[in-house]
């Protein structure tokens, strides 16, 4: 389970989004947010590793917009889609 947040961080660095985002890692989750946004207006992606899956939650401000449970083998493709939405909302 500890490998999943590191995989997401590697993905962010490889995609070049690490310079415009912030990430906070705790023992049970990774939170990726727009570096220039505020908690009220920005987008945030929460990644929660579970024994058999990964839960991803996309928030706009404090509102949960989307929640998905996926197999960890699909992490990068779902991150790609959710961060794409994340960037659209952060730039508007």
Protein backbone atom coordinates (compact mmCIF):
# COMPACT_ATOMS: atom_id res chain seq x y z
CA UNK A 1 0.00 0.00 0.00
CA UNK A 2 2.91 2.37 0.60
CA UNK A 3 4.02 2.05 -3.02
CA UNK A 4 0.81 3.57 -4.41
CA UNK A 5 1.40 7.18 -3.24
CA UNK A 6 5.00 6.98 -4.43
CA UNK A 7 3.78 5.76 -7.81
CA UNK A 8 1.45 8.78 -8.01
CA UNK A 9 4.29 11.15 -7.11
CA UNK A 10 6.53 9.59 -9.77
CA UNK A 11 3.68 9.97 -12.27
CA UNK A 12 3.26 13.68 -11.37
CA UNK A 13 6.98 14.37 -11.75
CA UNK A 14 7.12 12.52 -15.08
CA UNK A 15 4.11 14.50 -16.40
CA UNK A 16 5.64 17.81 -15.36
CA UNK A 17 2.80 18.80 -13.04
CA UNK A 18 4.91 18.73 -9.88
CA UNK A 19 5.97 22.37 -10.36
CA UNK A 20 2.37 23.66 -10.28
CA UNK A 21 0.95 21.38 -7.60
CA UNK A 22 1.47 20.61 -3.95
CA UNK A 23 1.38 17.18 -2.36
CA UNK A 24 0.93 16.19 1.25
CA UNK A 25 1.58 12.62 2.27
CA UNK A 26 0.36 11.08 5.49
CA UNK A 27 0.32 7.47 6.60
CA UNK A 28 -3.07 6.81 5.02
CA UNK A 29 -3.39 9.19 2.05
CA UNK A 30 -1.78 11.46 -0.50
CA UNK A 31 -3.38 14.85 -1.22
CA UNK A 32 -2.52 16.66 -4.45
CA UNK A 33 -3.73 20.25 -4.84
CA UNK A 34 -3.16 23.26 -7.05
CA UNK A 35 -0.23 25.27 -5.69
CA UNK A 36 -1.95 28.59 -6.46
CA UNK A 37 -5.46 27.80 -5.24
CA UNK A 38 -7.13 28.28 -1.89
CA UNK A 39 -9.02 25.63 0.04
CA UNK A 40 -12.32 27.29 -0.83
CA UNK A 41 -11.77 27.64 -4.57
CA UNK A 42 -9.15 25.14 -5.63
CA UNK A 43 -9.26 21.55 -6.72
CA UNK A 44 -7.84 18.71 -4.69
CA UNK A 45 -7.27 15.05 -5.46
CA UNK A 46 -7.12 12.63 -2.53
CA UNK A 47 -5.55 9.22 -3.07
CA UNK A 48 -6.31 6.56 -0.42
CA UNK A 49 -4.56 3.20 -0.80
CA UNK A 50 -6.54 0.17 0.36
CA UNK A 51 -5.48 -3.47 0.55
CA UNK A 52 -7.18 -4.47 -2.72
CA UNK A 53 -7.81 -1.12 -4.43
CA UNK A 54 -7.14 2.60 -4.52
CA UNK A 55 -9.79 5.19 -3.74
CA UNK A 56 -9.51 8.54 -5.53
CA UNK A 57 -11.62 11.55 -4.54
CA UNK A 58 -11.77 14.75 -6.57
CA UNK A 59 -12.88 17.87 -4.70
CA UNK A 60 -13.66 21.37 -5.95
CA UNK A 61 -13.26 23.52 -2.91
CA UNK A 62 -14.85 21.45 -0.18
CA UNK A 63 -17.37 19.69 -2.45
CA UNK A 64 -16.76 16.06 -3.43
CA UNK A 65 -17.15 15.96 -7.22
CA UNK A 66 -16.11 12.40 -8.00
CA UNK A 67 -15.12 9.27 -6.12
CA UNK A 68 -13.72 6.14 -7.76
CA UNK A 69 -12.34 2.85 -6.50
CA UNK A 70 -9.87 1.24 -8.88
CA UNK A 71 -7.34 -1.54 -9.07
CA UNK A 72 -3.87 -0.06 -8.50
CA UNK A 73 -2.79 -1.25 -11.96
CA UNK A 74 -5.07 1.45 -13.43
CA UNK A 75 -3.76 4.26 -11.21
CA UNK A 76 -1.87 6.25 -13.86
CA UNK A 77 -4.69 6.30 -16.41
CA UNK A 78 -7.26 7.41 -13.81
CA UNK A 79 -4.84 10.01 -12.40
CA UNK A 80 -4.43 11.34 -15.95
CA UNK A 81 -8.18 11.77 -16.32
CA UNK A 82 -8.81 13.26 -12.87
CA UNK A 83 -5.86 15.64 -12.96
CA UNK A 84 -7.06 16.78 -16.38
CA UNK A 85 -10.38 17.76 -14.74
CA UNK A 86 -8.45 19.16 -11.80
CA UNK A 87 -6.43 21.44 -14.08
CA UNK A 88 -9.54 22.61 -15.95
CA UNK A 89 -11.23 23.67 -12.74
CA UNK A 90 -8.07 25.26 -11.33
CA UNK A 91 -7.54 27.36 -14.45
CA UNK A 92 -11.11 28.65 -14.70
